[in-house]
Amino acid sequence: MGDAAVTMAVSKAHDQWRIVSFGVNSPLLSNDPASHRQAIELYVSRSDLIVPGTHASIVLSKLGDKVLVPDVLVLNARWKVSLSSQHEGFVTVLLTPTEMESVKGVEDLSLRALK
């Protein structure tokens, strides 16, 4: 039947935990495998500073920020320390199989915060 996954992003403020987002990805809930999302880690550069639990778009920055995936949920981010406004590092996002194909083997990926 396939694997199921539950993803949750939380934040802590003033000794209280808050659920930022919650997602269930189960083949039992949908018969369309194209809608199943899977966590994937990407290396991004020249990106906005995105925190886990927020939504962003994946763009190809060397082509004038051409949007490859318009809306992804960021599950984890490990940024290199930088004093500039552009950041680079590893991010874990949820993608469908179609979205994975659009970023597979692509260099120069960036994240842009959704407004």
PDB file of N, CA and C in Angstrom:
ATOM      1  N   MET A   1       0.806  -1.197   0.000  1.00  0.00           N
ATOM      2  CA  MET A   1       0.000   0.000   0.000  1.00  0.00           C
ATOM      3  C   MET A   1       0.844   1.253   0.000  1.00  0.00           C
ATOM      4  N   GLY A   2       1.980   1.250   0.649  1.00  0.00           N
ATOM      5  CA  GLY A   2       2.822   2.439   0.676  1.00  0.00           C
ATOM      6  C   GLY A   2       3.015   2.953   2.082  1.00  0.00           C
ATOM      7  N   ASP A   3       3.927   3.895   2.196  1.00  0.00           N
ATOM      8  CA  ASP A   3       4.249   4.461   3.492  1.00  0.00           C
ATOM      9  C   ASP A   3       3.366   5.664   3.786  1.00  0.00           C
ATOM     10  N   ALA A   4       3.146   5.879   5.064  1.00  0.00           N
ATOM     11  CA  ALA A   4       2.413   7.056   5.510  1.00  0.00           C
ATOM     12  C   ALA A   4       3.367   7.916   6.312  1.00  0.00           C
ATOM     13  N   ALA A   5       3.122   9.216   6.341  1.00  0.00           N
ATOM     14  CA  ALA A   5       3.970  10.133   7.096  1.00  0.00           C
ATOM     15  C   ALA A   5       3.119  11.222   7.724  1.00  0.00           C
ATOM     16  N   VAL A   6       3.500  11.595   8.924  1.00  0.00           N
ATOM     17  CA  VAL A   6       2.888  12.728   9.600  1.00  0.00           C
ATOM     18  C   VAL A   6       4.002  13.738   9.835  1.00  0.00           C
ATOM     19  N   THR A   7       3.779  14.978   9.435  1.00  0.00           N
ATOM     20  CA  THR A   7       4.773  16.020   9.655  1.00  0.00           C
ATOM     21  C   THR A   7       4.148  17.125  10.490  1.00  0.00           C
ATOM     22  N   MET A   8       4.949  17.641  11.402  1.00  0.00           N
ATOM     23  CA  MET A   8       4.465  18.707  12.256  1.00  0.00           C
ATOM     24  C   MET A   8       5.613  19.685  12.473  1.00  0.00           C
ATOM     25  N   ALA A   9       5.334  20.948  12.361  1.00  0.00           N
ATOM     26  CA  ALA A   9       6.299  21.994  12.671  1.00  0.00           C
ATOM     27  C   ALA A   9       5.787  22.740  13.898  1.00  0.00           C
ATOM     28  N   VAL A  10       6.674  22.934  14.866  1.00  0.00           N
ATOM     29  CA  VAL A  10       6.291  23.604  16.109  1.00  0.00           C
ATOM     30  C   VAL A  10       7.276  24.729  16.410  1.00  0.00           C
ATOM     31  N   SER A  11       6.824  25.660  17.205  1.00  0.00           N
ATOM     32  CA  SER A  11       7.717  26.716  17.682  1.00  0.00           C
ATOM     33  C   SER A  11       7.467  26.903  19.170  1.00  0.00           C
ATOM     34  N   LYS A  12       8.508  27.371  19.851  1.00  0.00           N
ATOM     35  CA  LYS A  12       8.399  27.575  21.292  1.00  0.00           C
ATOM     36  C   LYS A  12       8.629  29.047  21.604  1.00  0.00           C
ATOM     37  N   ALA A  13       7.727  29.611  22.376  1.00  0.00           N
ATOM     38  CA  ALA A  13       7.864  30.999  22.807  1.00  0.00           C
ATOM     39  C   ALA A  13       7.359  31.112  24.245  1.00  0.00           C
ATOM     40  N   HIS A  14       8.174  31.669  25.097  1.00  0.00           N
ATOM     41  CA  HIS A  14       7.790  31.896  26.491  1.00  0.00           C
ATOM     42  C   HIS A  14       7.302  30.615  27.162  1.00  0.00           C
ATOM     43  N   ASP A  15       8.074  29.542  27.046  1.00  0.00           N
ATOM     44  CA  ASP A  15       7.785  28.251  27.678  1.00  0.00           C
ATOM     45  C   ASP A  15       6.479  27.609  27.205  1.00  0.00           C
ATOM     46  N   GLN A  16       5.994  27.985  26.022  1.00  0.00           N
ATOM     47  CA  GLN A  16       4.804  27.366  25.452  1.00  0.00           C
ATOM     48  C   GLN A  16       5.105  26.916  24.039  1.00  0.00           C
ATOM     49  N   TRP A  17       4.632  25.723  23.695  1.00  0.00           N
ATOM     50  CA  TRP A  17       4.808  25.185  22.351  1.00  0.00           C
ATOM     51  C   TRP A  17       3.574  25.497  21.523  1.00  0.00           C
ATOM     52  N   ARG A  18       3.781  25.801  20.243  1.00  0.00           N
ATOM     53  CA  ARG A  18       2.682  26.115  19.341  1.00  0.00           C
ATOM     54  C   ARG A  18       2.874  25.321  18.056  1.00  0.00           C
ATOM     55  N   ILE A  19       1.810  24.669  17.593  1.00  0.00           N
ATOM     56  CA  ILE A  19       1.874  23.943  16.332  1.00  0.00           C
ATOM     57  C   ILE A  19       1.740  24.951  15.202  1.00  0.00           C
ATOM     58  N   VAL A  20       2.778  25.009  14.340  1.00  0.00           N
ATOM     59  CA  VAL A  20       2.786  25.944  13.224  1.00  0.00           C
ATOM     60  C   VAL A  20       2.095  25.322  12.022  1.00  0.00           C
ATOM     61  N   SER A  21       2.378  24.052  11.773  1.00  0.00           N
ATOM     62  CA  SER A  21       1.715  23.354  10.677  1.00  0.00           C
ATOM     63  C   SER A  21       1.664  21.869  10.997  1.00  0.00           C
ATOM     64  N   PHE A  22       0.695  21.198  10.391  1.00  0.00           N
ATOM     65  CA  PHE A  22       0.499  19.775  10.623  1.00  0.00           C
ATOM     66  C   PHE A  22       0.056  19.157   9.313  1.00  0.00           C
ATOM     67  N   GLY A  23       0.696  18.083   8.915  1.00  0.00           N
ATOM     68  CA  GLY A  23       0.339  17.444   7.651  1.00  0.00           C
ATOM     69  C   GLY A  23       0.331  15.939   7.755  1.00  0.00           C
ATOM     70  N   VAL A  24      -0.588  15.318   7.050  1.00  0.00           N
ATOM     71  CA  VAL A  24      -0.680  13.858   6.985  1.00  0.00           C
ATOM     72  C   VAL A  24      -0.571  13.461   5.523  1.00  0.00           C
ATOM     73  N   ASN A  25       0.335  12.564   5.249  1.00  0.00           N
ATOM     74  CA  ASN A  25       0.547  12.091   3.888  1.00  0.00           C
ATOM     75  C   ASN A  25       0.373  10.572   3.929  1.00  0.00           C
ATOM     76  N   SER A  26      -0.770  10.098   3.515  1.00  0.00           N
ATOM     77  CA  SER A  26      -1.060   8.673   3.595  1.00  0.00           C
ATOM     78  C   SER A  26      -1.718   8.183   2.319  1.00  0.00           C
ATOM     79  N   PRO A  27      -1.214   7.068   1.774  1.00  0.00           N
ATOM     80  CA  PRO A  27      -1.862   6.489   0.598  1.00  0.00           C
ATOM     81  C   PRO A  27      -3.312   6.089   0.880  1.00  0.00           C
ATOM     82  N   LEU A  28      -3.636   5.864   2.137  1.00  0.00           N
ATOM     83  CA  LEU A  28      -4.998   5.484   2.483  1.00  0.00           C
ATOM     84  C   LEU A  28      -5.961   6.660   2.350  1.00  0.00           C
ATOM     85  N   LEU A  29      -5.436   7.882   2.386  1.00  0.00           N
ATOM     86  CA  LEU A  29      -6.284   9.064   2.293  1.00  0.00           C
ATOM     87  C   LEU A  29      -6.482   9.529   0.858  1.00  0.00           C
ATOM     88  N   SER A  30      -5.630   9.076  -0.037  1.00  0.00           N
ATOM     89  CA  SER A  30      -5.714   9.520  -1.420  1.00  0.00           C
ATOM     90  C   SER A  30      -5.271   8.396  -2.340  1.00  0.00           C
ATOM     91  N   ASN A  31      -5.984   8.204  -3.437  1.00  0.00           N
ATOM     92  CA  ASN A  31      -5.599   7.204  -4.414  1.00  0.00           C
ATOM     93  C   ASN A  31      -4.686   7.778  -5.482  1.00  0.00           C
ATOM     94  N   ASP A  32      -4.388   9.063  -5.406  1.00  0.00           N
ATOM     95  CA  ASP A  32      -3.562   9.718  -6.410  1.00  0.00           C
ATOM     96  C   ASP A  32      -2.122   9.831  -5.903  1.00  0.00           C
ATOM     97  N   PRO A  33      -1.199   8.971  -6.391  1.00  0.00           N
ATOM     98  CA  PRO A  33       0.179   9.030  -5.904  1.00  0.00           C
ATOM     99  C   PRO A  33       0.878  10.347  -6.226  1.00  0.00           C
ATOM    100  N   ALA A  34       0.388  11.088  -7.196  1.00  0.00           N
ATOM    101  CA  ALA A  34       1.005  12.370  -7.544  1.00  0.00           C
ATOM    102  C   ALA A  34       0.813  13.413  -6.454  1.00  0.00           C
ATOM    103  N   SER A  35      -0.162  13.205  -5.561  1.00  0.00           N
ATOM    104  CA  SER A  35      -0.413  14.173  -4.498  1.00  0.00           C
ATOM    105  C   SER A  35       0.358  13.862  -3.220  1.00  0.00           C
ATOM    106  N   HIS A  36       1.033  12.742  -3.154  1.00  0.00           N
ATOM    107  CA  HIS A  36       1.788  12.358  -1.962  1.00  0.00           C
ATOM    108  C   HIS A  36       3.053  13.199  -1.865  1.00  0.00           C
ATOM    109  N   ARG A  37       3.272  13.802  -0.737  1.00  0.00           N
ATOM    110  CA  ARG A  37       4.462  14.638  -0.527  1.00  0.00           C
ATOM    111  C   ARG A  37       5.503  13.867   0.266  1.00  0.00           C
ATOM    112  N   GLN A  38       6.765  14.135  -0.071  1.00  0.00           N
ATOM    113  CA  GLN A  38       7.874  13.458   0.584  1.00  0.00           C
ATOM    114  C   GLN A  38       8.913  14.503   0.984  1.00  0.00           C
ATOM    115  N   ALA A  39       9.535  14.286   2.126  1.00  0.00           N
ATOM    116  CA  ALA A  39      10.569  15.211   2.585  1.00  0.00           C
ATOM    117  C   ALA A  39      11.838  15.008   1.767  1.00  0.00           C
ATOM    118  N   ILE A  40      12.436  16.112   1.332  1.00  0.00           N
ATOM    119  CA  ILE A  40      13.685  16.070   0.573  1.00  0.00           C
ATOM    120  C   ILE A  40      14.561  17.222   1.045  1.00  0.00           C
ATOM    121  N   GLU A  41      15.874  16.955   1.130  1.00  0.00           N
ATOM    122  CA  GLU A  41      16.815  17.990   1.534  1.00  0.00           C
ATOM    123  C   GLU A  41      17.466  18.592   0.293  1.00  0.00           C
ATOM    124  N   LEU A  42      17.504  19.918   0.242  1.00  0.00           N
ATOM    125  CA  LEU A  42      18.086  20.650  -0.886  1.00  0.00           C
ATOM    126  C   LEU A  42      19.141  21.619  -0.380  1.00  0.00           C
ATOM    127  N   TYR A  43      20.156  21.852  -1.208  1.00  0.00           N
ATOM    128  CA  TYR A  43      21.121  22.900  -0.906  1.00  0.00           C
ATOM    129  C   TYR A  43      20.691  24.149  -1.670  1.00  0.00           C
ATOM    130  N   VAL A  44      20.550  25.250  -0.959  1.00  0.00           N
ATOM    131  CA  VAL A  44      20.115  26.490  -1.579  1.00  0.00           C
ATOM    132  C   VAL A  44      21.132  27.596  -1.285  1.00  0.00           C
ATOM    133  N   SER A  45      21.226  28.555  -2.180  1.00  0.00           N
ATOM    134  CA  SER A  45      22.111  29.701  -1.985  1.00  0.00           C
ATOM    135  C   SER A  45      21.361  30.968  -2.383  1.00  0.00           C
ATOM    136  N   ARG A  46      21.908  32.111  -1.987  1.00  0.00           N
ATOM    137  CA  ARG A  46      21.272  33.408  -2.283  1.00  0.00           C
ATOM    138  C   ARG A  46      19.781  33.400  -1.924  1.00  0.00           C
ATOM    139  N   SER A  47      19.484  32.883  -0.735  1.00  0.00           N
ATOM    140  CA  SER A  47      18.091  32.703  -0.314  1.00  0.00           C
ATOM    141  C   SER A  47      17.699  33.689   0.768  1.00  0.00           C
ATOM    142  N   ASP A  48      16.381  33.885   0.882  1.00  0.00           N
ATOM    143  CA  ASP A  48      15.851  34.601   2.035  1.00  0.00           C
ATOM    144  C   ASP A  48      16.029  33.707   3.258  1.00  0.00           C
ATOM    145  N   LEU A  49      16.127  34.306   4.424  1.00  0.00           N
ATOM    146  CA  LEU A  49      16.237  33.541   5.664  1.00  0.00           C
ATOM    147  C   LEU A  49      14.851  32.997   6.011  1.00  0.00           C
ATOM    148  N   ILE A  50      14.674  31.697   5.874  1.00  0.00           N
ATOM    149  CA  ILE A  50      13.387  31.034   6.088  1.00  0.00           C
ATOM    150  C   ILE A  50      13.515  30.153   7.324  1.00  0.00           C
ATOM    151  N   VAL A  51      12.541  30.206   8.205  1.00  0.00           N
ATOM    152  CA  VAL A  51      12.551  29.366   9.401  1.00  0.00           C
ATOM    153  C   VAL A  51      11.630  28.169   9.186  1.00  0.00           C
ATOM    154  N   PRO A  52      11.926  27.053   9.859  1.00  0.00           N
ATOM    155  CA  PRO A  52      11.059  25.878   9.732  1.00  0.00           C
ATOM    156  C   PRO A  52       9.617  26.199  10.103  1.00  0.00           C
ATOM    157  N   GLY A  53       8.704  25.582   9.355  1.00  0.00           N
ATOM    158  CA  GLY A  53       7.283  25.786   9.609  1.00  0.00           C
ATOM    159  C   GLY A  53       6.660  26.841   8.723  1.00  0.00           C
ATOM    160  N   THR A  54       7.464  27.517   7.925  1.00  0.00           N
ATOM    161  CA  THR A  54       6.922  28.551   7.041  1.00  0.00           C
ATOM    162  C   THR A  54       6.891  28.059   5.597  1.00  0.00           C
ATOM    163  N   HIS A  55       6.158  28.773   4.782  1.00  0.00           N
ATOM    164  CA  HIS A  55       6.046  28.439   3.363  1.00  0.00           C
ATOM    165  C   HIS A  55       6.941  29.368   2.548  1.00  0.00           C
ATOM    166  N   ALA A  56       7.495  28.817   1.477  1.00  0.00           N
ATOM    167  CA  ALA A  56       8.381  29.578   0.598  1.00  0.00           C
ATOM    168  C   ALA A  56       8.216  29.044  -0.817  1.00  0.00           C
ATOM    169  N   SER A  57       8.835  29.731  -1.769  1.00  0.00           N
ATOM    170  CA  SER A  57       8.871  29.226  -3.142  1.00  0.00           C
ATOM    171  C   SER A  57      10.313  28.877  -3.477  1.00  0.00           C
ATOM    172  N   ILE A  58      10.478  27.840  -4.304  1.00  0.00           N
ATOM    173  CA  ILE A  58      11.801  27.445  -4.780  1.00  0.00           C
ATOM    174  C   ILE A  58      11.987  28.097  -6.141  1.00  0.00           C
ATOM    175  N   VAL A  59      13.076  28.854  -6.279  1.00  0.00           N
ATOM    176  CA  VAL A  59      13.328  29.572  -7.526  1.00  0.00           C
ATOM    177  C   VAL A  59      14.719  29.237  -8.048  1.00  0.00           C
ATOM    178  N   LEU A  60      14.905  29.460  -9.323  1.00  0.00           N
ATOM    179  CA  LEU A  60      16.197  29.330  -9.981  1.00  0.00           C
ATOM    180  C   LEU A  60      16.748  30.740 -10.101  1.00  0.00           C
ATOM    181  N   SER A  61      17.648  31.101  -9.207  1.00  0.00           N
ATOM    182  CA  SER A  61      18.058  32.510  -9.100  1.00  0.00           C
ATOM    183  C   SER A  61      18.883  33.001 -10.277  1.00  0.00           C
ATOM    184  N   LYS A  62      19.615  32.121 -10.962  1.00  0.00           N
ATOM    185  CA  LYS A  62      20.430  32.626 -12.071  1.00  0.00           C
ATOM    186  C   LYS A  62      19.599  32.940 -13.315  1.00  0.00           C
ATOM    187  N   LEU A  63      18.325  32.578 -13.299  1.00  0.00           N
ATOM    188  CA  LEU A  63      17.428  32.941 -14.402  1.00  0.00           C
ATOM    189  C   LEU A  63      16.421  33.995 -13.961  1.00  0.00           C
ATOM    190  N   GLY A  64      16.877  34.917 -13.131  1.00  0.00           N
ATOM    191  CA  GLY A  64      15.993  36.000 -12.697  1.00  0.00           C
ATOM    192  C   GLY A  64      14.875  35.538 -11.795  1.00  0.00           C
ATOM    193  N   ASP A  65      15.178  34.623 -10.890  1.00  0.00           N
ATOM    194  CA  ASP A  65      14.201  34.092  -9.930  1.00  0.00           C
ATOM    195  C   ASP A  65      13.021  33.401 -10.605  1.00  0.00           C
ATOM    196  N   LYS A  66      13.307  32.571 -11.605  1.00  0.00           N
ATOM    197  CA  LYS A  66      12.254  31.769 -12.244  1.00  0.00           C
ATOM    198  C   LYS A  66      11.702  30.782 -11.207  1.00  0.00           C
ATOM    199  N   VAL A  67      10.402  30.804 -10.982  1.00  0.00           N
ATOM    200  CA  VAL A  67       9.770  29.961  -9.971  1.00  0.00           C
ATOM    201  C   VAL A  67       9.663  28.530 -10.482  1.00  0.00           C
ATOM    202  N   LEU A  68      10.261  27.591  -9.728  1.00  0.00           N
ATOM    203  CA  LEU A  68      10.162  26.175 -10.061  1.00  0.00           C
ATOM    204  C   LEU A  68       9.046  25.496  -9.271  1.00  0.00           C
ATOM    205  N   VAL A  69       8.935  25.840  -7.985  1.00  0.00           N
ATOM    206  CA  VAL A  69       7.870  25.315  -7.123  1.00  0.00           C
ATOM    207  C   VAL A  69       7.303  26.509  -6.347  1.00  0.00           C
ATOM    208  N   PRO A  70       6.035  26.857  -6.581  1.00  0.00           N
ATOM    209  CA  PRO A  70       5.489  28.096  -6.015  1.00  0.00           C
ATOM    210  C   PRO A  70       5.240  28.094  -4.513  1.00  0.00           C
ATOM    211  N   ASP A  71       5.011  26.920  -3.897  1.00  0.00           N
ATOM    212  CA  ASP A  71       4.681  26.895  -2.476  1.00  0.00           C
ATOM    213  C   ASP A  71       5.142  25.582  -1.860  1.00  0.00           C
ATOM    214  N   VAL A  72       6.138  25.667  -0.965  1.00  0.00           N
ATOM    215  CA  VAL A  72       6.620  24.482  -0.245  1.00  0.00           C
ATOM    216  C   VAL A  72       6.630  24.784   1.242  1.00  0.00           C
ATOM    217  N   LEU A  73       6.469  23.744   2.038  1.00  0.00           N
ATOM    218  CA  LEU A  73       6.577  23.863   3.486  1.00  0.00           C
ATOM    219  C   LEU A  73       8.009  23.514   3.879  1.00  0.00           C
ATOM    220  N   VAL A  74       8.671  24.403   4.589  1.00  0.00           N
ATOM    221  CA  VAL A  74      10.036  24.173   5.056  1.00  0.00           C
ATOM    222  C   VAL A  74       9.960  23.442   6.398  1.00  0.00           C
ATOM    223  N   LEU A  75      10.542  22.244   6.435  1.00  0.00           N
ATOM    224  CA  LEU A  75      10.524  21.444   7.657  1.00  0.00           C
ATOM    225  C   LEU A  75      11.745  21.693   8.530  1.00  0.00           C
ATOM    226  N   ASN A  76      12.898  21.943   7.896  1.00  0.00           N
ATOM    227  CA  ASN A  76      14.134  22.138   8.631  1.00  0.00           C
ATOM    228  C   ASN A  76      15.049  23.028   7.805  1.00  0.00           C
ATOM    229  N   ALA A  77      15.902  23.789   8.478  1.00  0.00           N
ATOM    230  CA  ALA A  77      16.865  24.638   7.779  1.00  0.00           C
ATOM    231  C   ALA A  77      18.150  24.700   8.582  1.00  0.00           C
ATOM    232  N   ARG A  78      19.273  24.539   7.883  1.00  0.00           N
ATOM    233  CA  ARG A  78      20.601  24.686   8.489  1.00  0.00           C
ATOM    234  C   ARG A  78      21.354  25.708   7.653  1.00  0.00           C
ATOM    235  N   TRP A  79      21.404  26.942   8.149  1.00  0.00           N
ATOM    236  CA  TRP A  79      22.006  28.037   7.402  1.00  0.00           C
ATOM    237  C   TRP A  79      23.448  28.242   7.815  1.00  0.00           C
ATOM    238  N   LYS A  80      24.317  28.601   6.854  1.00  0.00           N
ATOM    239  CA  LYS A  80      25.671  29.034   7.164  1.00  0.00           C
ATOM    240  C   LYS A  80      25.577  30.414   7.797  1.00  0.00           C
ATOM    241  N   VAL A  81      26.477  30.695   8.724  1.00  0.00           N
ATOM    242  CA  VAL A  81      26.487  31.998   9.371  1.00  0.00           C
ATOM    243  C   VAL A  81      26.916  33.043   8.349  1.00  0.00           C
ATOM    244  N   SER A  82      26.111  34.095   8.239  1.00  0.00           N
ATOM    245  CA  SER A  82      26.382  35.134   7.242  1.00  0.00           C
ATOM    246  C   SER A  82      25.850  36.468   7.735  1.00  0.00           C
ATOM    247  N   LEU A  83      26.573  37.521   7.422  1.00  0.00           N
ATOM    248  CA  LEU A  83      26.110  38.861   7.778  1.00  0.00           C
ATOM    249  C   LEU A  83      25.353  39.517   6.628  1.00  0.00           C
ATOM    250  N   SER A  84      25.283  38.843   5.492  1.00  0.00           N
ATOM    251  CA  SER A  84      24.582  39.417   4.344  1.00  0.00           C
ATOM    252  C   SER A  84      23.087  39.093   4.412  1.00  0.00           C
ATOM    253  N   SER A  85      22.335  39.695   3.500  1.00  0.00           N
ATOM    254  CA  SER A  85      20.897  39.436   3.463  1.00  0.00           C
ATOM    255  C   SER A  85      20.568  38.186   2.651  1.00  0.00           C
ATOM    256  N   GLN A  86      21.563  37.621   1.975  1.00  0.00           N
ATOM    257  CA  GLN A  86      21.369  36.402   1.188  1.00  0.00           C
ATOM    258  C   GLN A  86      22.034  35.241   1.929  1.00  0.00           C
ATOM    259  N   HIS A  87      21.321  34.151   2.097  1.00  0.00           N
ATOM    260  CA  HIS A  87      21.800  33.039   2.910  1.00  0.00           C
ATOM    261  C   HIS A  87      21.947  31.778   2.066  1.00  0.00           C
ATOM    262  N   GLU A  88      22.792  30.846   2.572  1.00  0.00           N
ATOM    263  CA  GLU A  88      22.935  29.562   1.913  1.00  0.00           C
ATOM    264  C   GLU A  88      23.015  28.472   2.966  1.00  0.00           C
ATOM    265  N   GLY A  89      22.551  27.275   2.578  1.00  0.00           N
ATOM    266  CA  GLY A  89      22.567  26.149   3.495  1.00  0.00           C
ATOM    267  C   GLY A  89      21.647  25.048   3.000  1.00  0.00           C
ATOM    268  N   PHE A  90      21.354  24.110   3.903  1.00  0.00           N
ATOM    269  CA  PHE A  90      20.509  22.965   3.582  1.00  0.00           C
ATOM    270  C   PHE A  90      19.120  23.171   4.170  1.00  0.00           C
ATOM    271  N   VAL A  91      18.106  22.897   3.362  1.00  0.00           N
ATOM    272  CA  VAL A  91      16.722  22.984   3.822  1.00  0.00           C
ATOM    273  C   VAL A  91      16.006  21.677   3.486  1.00  0.00           C
ATOM    274  N   THR A  92      15.114  21.273   4.351  1.00  0.00           N
ATOM    275  CA  THR A  92      14.266  20.113   4.107  1.00  0.00           C
ATOM    276  C   THR A  92      12.867  20.616   3.838  1.00  0.00           C
ATOM    277  N   VAL A  93      12.314  20.202   2.699  1.00  0.00           N
ATOM    278  CA  VAL A  93      10.985  20.654   2.279  1.00  0.00           C
ATOM    279  C   VAL A  93      10.146  19.444   1.877  1.00  0.00           C
ATOM    280  N   LEU A  94       8.831  19.635   1.818  1.00  0.00           N
ATOM    281  CA  LEU A  94       7.919  18.596   1.346  1.00  0.00           C
ATOM    282  C   LEU A  94       7.591  18.851  -0.115  1.00  0.00           C
ATOM    283  N   LEU A  95       7.818  17.833  -0.968  1.00  0.00           N
ATOM    284  CA  LEU A  95       7.558  17.970  -2.400  1.00  0.00           C
ATOM    285  C   LEU A  95       6.779  16.777  -2.927  1.00  0.00           C
ATOM    286  N   THR A  96       5.952  17.022  -3.940  1.00  0.00           N
ATOM    287  CA  THR A  96       5.287  15.936  -4.666  1.00  0.00           C
ATOM    288  C   THR A  96       6.294  15.349  -5.648  1.00  0.00           C
ATOM    289  N   PRO A  97       6.022  14.151  -6.209  1.00  0.00           N
ATOM    290  CA  PRO A  97       6.934  13.592  -7.216  1.00  0.00           C
ATOM    291  C   PRO A  97       7.163  14.527  -8.405  1.00  0.00           C
ATOM    292  N   THR A  98       6.142  15.228  -8.856  1.00  0.00           N
ATOM    293  CA  THR A  98       6.285  16.168  -9.971  1.00  0.00           C
ATOM    294  C   THR A  98       7.193  17.336  -9.594  1.00  0.00           C
ATOM    295  N   GLU A  99       7.015  17.853  -8.380  1.00  0.00           N
ATOM    296  CA  GLU A  99       7.864  18.950  -7.917  1.00  0.00           C
ATOM    297  C   GLU A  99       9.309  18.496  -7.764  1.00  0.00           C
ATOM    298  N   MET A 100       9.508  17.250  -7.292  1.00  0.00           N
ATOM    299  CA  MET A 100      10.868  16.708  -7.160  1.00  0.00           C
ATOM    300  C   MET A 100      11.566  16.659  -8.508  1.00  0.00           C
ATOM    301  N   GLU A 101      10.832  16.260  -9.539  1.00  0.00           N
ATOM    302  CA  GLU A 101      11.420  16.196 -10.883  1.00  0.00           C
ATOM    303  C   GLU A 101      11.829  17.579 -11.374  1.00  0.00           C
ATOM    304  N   SER A 102      11.073  18.609 -10.997  1.00  0.00           N
ATOM    305  CA  SER A 102      11.387  19.958 -11.486  1.00  0.00           C
ATOM    306  C   SER A 102      12.648  20.529 -10.850  1.00  0.00           C
ATOM    307  N   VAL A 103      13.062  20.028  -9.676  1.00  0.00           N
ATOM    308  CA  VAL A 103      14.281  20.536  -9.024  1.00  0.00           C
ATOM    309  C   VAL A 103      15.433  19.533  -9.078  1.00  0.00           C
ATOM    310  N   LYS A 104      15.167  18.322  -9.549  1.00  0.00           N
ATOM    311  CA  LYS A 104      16.189  17.267  -9.594  1.00  0.00           C
ATOM    312  C   LYS A 104      17.353  17.682 -10.491  1.00  0.00           C
ATOM    313  N   GLY A 105      18.564  17.650  -9.931  1.00  0.00           N
ATOM    314  CA  GLY A 105      19.757  17.962 -10.694  1.00  0.00           C
ATOM    315  C   GLY A 105      19.948  19.430 -11.027  1.00  0.00           C
ATOM    316  N   VAL A 106      19.092  20.297 -10.500  1.00  0.00           N
ATOM    317  CA  VAL A 106      19.188  21.735 -10.795  1.00  0.00           C
ATOM    318  C   VAL A 106      20.137  22.382  -9.784  1.00  0.00           C
ATOM    319  N   GLU A 107      21.077  23.150 -10.292  1.00  0.00           N
ATOM    320  CA  GLU A 107      21.980  23.908  -9.419  1.00  0.00           C
ATOM    321  C   GLU A 107      21.469  25.329  -9.280  1.00  0.00           C
ATOM    322  N   ASP A 108      21.967  26.014  -8.287  1.00  0.00           N
ATOM    323  CA  ASP A 108      21.629  27.420  -8.066  1.00  0.00           C
ATOM    324  C   ASP A 108      20.172  27.626  -7.639  1.00  0.00           C
ATOM    325  N   LEU A 109      19.676  26.736  -6.774  1.00  0.00           N
ATOM    326  CA  LEU A 109      18.327  26.897  -6.230  1.00  0.00           C
ATOM    327  C   LEU A 109      18.334  27.918  -5.096  1.00  0.00           C
ATOM    328  N   SER A 110      17.251  28.636  -4.943  1.00  0.00           N
ATOM    329  CA  SER A 110      17.079  29.602  -3.861  1.00  0.00           C
ATOM    330  C   SER A 110      15.673  29.482  -3.298  1.00  0.00           C
ATOM    331  N   LEU A 111      15.503  29.937  -2.071  1.00  0.00           N
ATOM    332  CA  LEU A 111      14.181  30.029  -1.451  1.00  0.00           C
ATOM    333  C   LEU A 111      13.792  31.495  -1.357  1.00  0.00           C
ATOM    334  N   ARG A 112      12.553  31.787  -1.666  1.00  0.00           N
ATOM    335  CA  ARG A 112      12.005  33.134  -1.505  1.00  0.00           C
ATOM    336  C   ARG A 112      10.802  33.061  -0.579  1.00  0.00           C
ATOM    337  N   ALA A 113      10.769  33.935   0.391  1.00  0.00           N
ATOM    338  CA  ALA A 113       9.652  33.972   1.333  1.00  0.00           C
ATOM    339  C   ALA A 113       8.379  34.342   0.603  1.00  0.00           C
ATOM    340  N   LEU A 114       7.292  33.682   0.955  1.00  0.00           N
ATOM    341  CA  LEU A 114       5.990  34.040   0.392  1.00  0.00           C
ATOM    342  C   LEU A 114       5.482  35.263   1.139  1.00  0.00           C
ATOM    343  N   LYS A 115       4.948  36.190   0.429  1.00  0.00           N
ATOM    344  CA  LYS A 115       4.466  37.444   1.032  1.00  0.00           C
ATOM    345  C   LYS A 115       3.031  37.299   1.459  1.00  0.00           C
TER     346      LYS A 115
END
